[in-house]
Protein backbone atom coordinates (compact mmCIF):
# COMPACT_ATOMS: atom_id res chain seq x y z
CA MET A 1 2.03 7.39 -1.95
CA THR A 2 3.27 6.62 1.48
CA GLN A 3 2.82 8.80 4.44
CA ASP A 4 5.16 8.96 7.52
CA LEU A 5 2.96 8.49 10.46
CA ARG A 6 5.70 8.42 12.96
CA GLY A 7 4.98 10.78 15.87
CA ALA A 8 1.18 10.18 15.54
CA ARG A 9 -0.91 10.40 18.64
CA TRP A 10 -3.52 7.86 18.09
CA ARG A 11 -6.94 8.02 19.88
CA LYS A 12 -10.03 6.00 19.80
CA SER A 13 -13.64 6.70 20.66
CA SER A 14 -14.73 6.75 24.21
CA PHE A 15 -17.51 4.44 23.38
CA SER A 16 -15.03 1.75 22.96
CA ALA A 17 -14.31 1.44 26.68
CA ASP A 18 -11.40 -0.90 27.01
CA GLN A 19 -12.22 -3.18 24.14
CA GLY A 20 -9.65 -3.46 21.54
CA ASN A 21 -12.01 -3.76 18.46
CA CYS A 22 -11.82 -0.01 17.31
CA VAL A 23 -10.66 2.20 14.68
CA GLU A 24 -8.01 4.65 16.02
CA VAL A 25 -7.42 8.22 14.42
CA ALA A 26 -4.38 10.39 14.57
CA SER A 27 -5.13 13.83 13.54
CA ASN A 28 -2.01 15.61 14.93
CA LEU A 29 0.09 15.49 11.76
CA PRO A 30 0.16 18.26 9.32
CA GLY A 31 -1.92 17.79 6.20
CA VAL A 32 -2.81 14.21 7.03
CA VAL A 33 -5.20 12.15 9.08
CA GLY A 34 -4.19 8.59 10.00
CA VAL A 35 -6.50 5.74 10.58
CA ARG A 36 -5.68 2.16 11.93
CA ASP A 37 -7.11 -0.93 13.57
CA SER A 38 -6.59 -0.71 17.38
CA LYS A 39 -6.28 -4.69 17.36
CA ASN A 40 -3.07 -4.37 15.33
CA PRO A 41 -1.42 -1.16 15.96
CA GLY A 42 1.94 -2.13 14.36
CA GLY A 43 0.05 -3.23 11.09
CA PRO A 44 -0.97 -1.13 8.18
CA SER A 45 -2.49 2.39 8.34
CA LEU A 46 -4.49 4.41 6.21
CA ALA A 47 -3.76 8.11 5.50
CA CYS A 48 -6.07 10.57 4.16
CA THR A 49 -6.42 14.29 3.75
CA PRO A 50 -8.24 16.36 6.63
CA SER A 51 -10.82 17.27 4.20
CA GLY A 52 -11.43 13.62 2.93
CA TRP A 53 -11.73 12.43 6.66
CA SER A 54 -14.42 15.20 7.48
CA ALA A 55 -16.19 14.20 4.36
CA PHE A 56 -16.11 10.48 5.38
CA VAL A 57 -17.30 11.31 8.96
CA ARG A 58 -20.21 13.45 7.64
CA GLY A 59 -21.27 10.68 5.39
CA LEU A 60 -21.30 8.23 8.59
CA LYS A 61 -23.31 10.74 10.48
CA ARG A 62 -25.97 11.21 7.55
CA GLY A 63 -26.13 7.44 6.92
CA ASP A 64 -24.79 7.80 3.43
CA LEU A 65 -22.37 4.72 3.97
CA SER A 66 -24.69 2.37 5.56
CA ALA A 67 -25.37 -1.04 3.82
């Protein structure tokens, strides 16, 4: 399924400062969270459900996804 991410307001972590090596997230769209690479803003983007994104972030914080 392809999601329409036009109108997304992208943001990146304040930890990134002015560097371009970041993940950007758009959570202002109804029913979808967009994710993209800040080095390539015109490139491909991922779309997930808000609950899927929340589960991913919780897993990162717990260390469940570390190598």
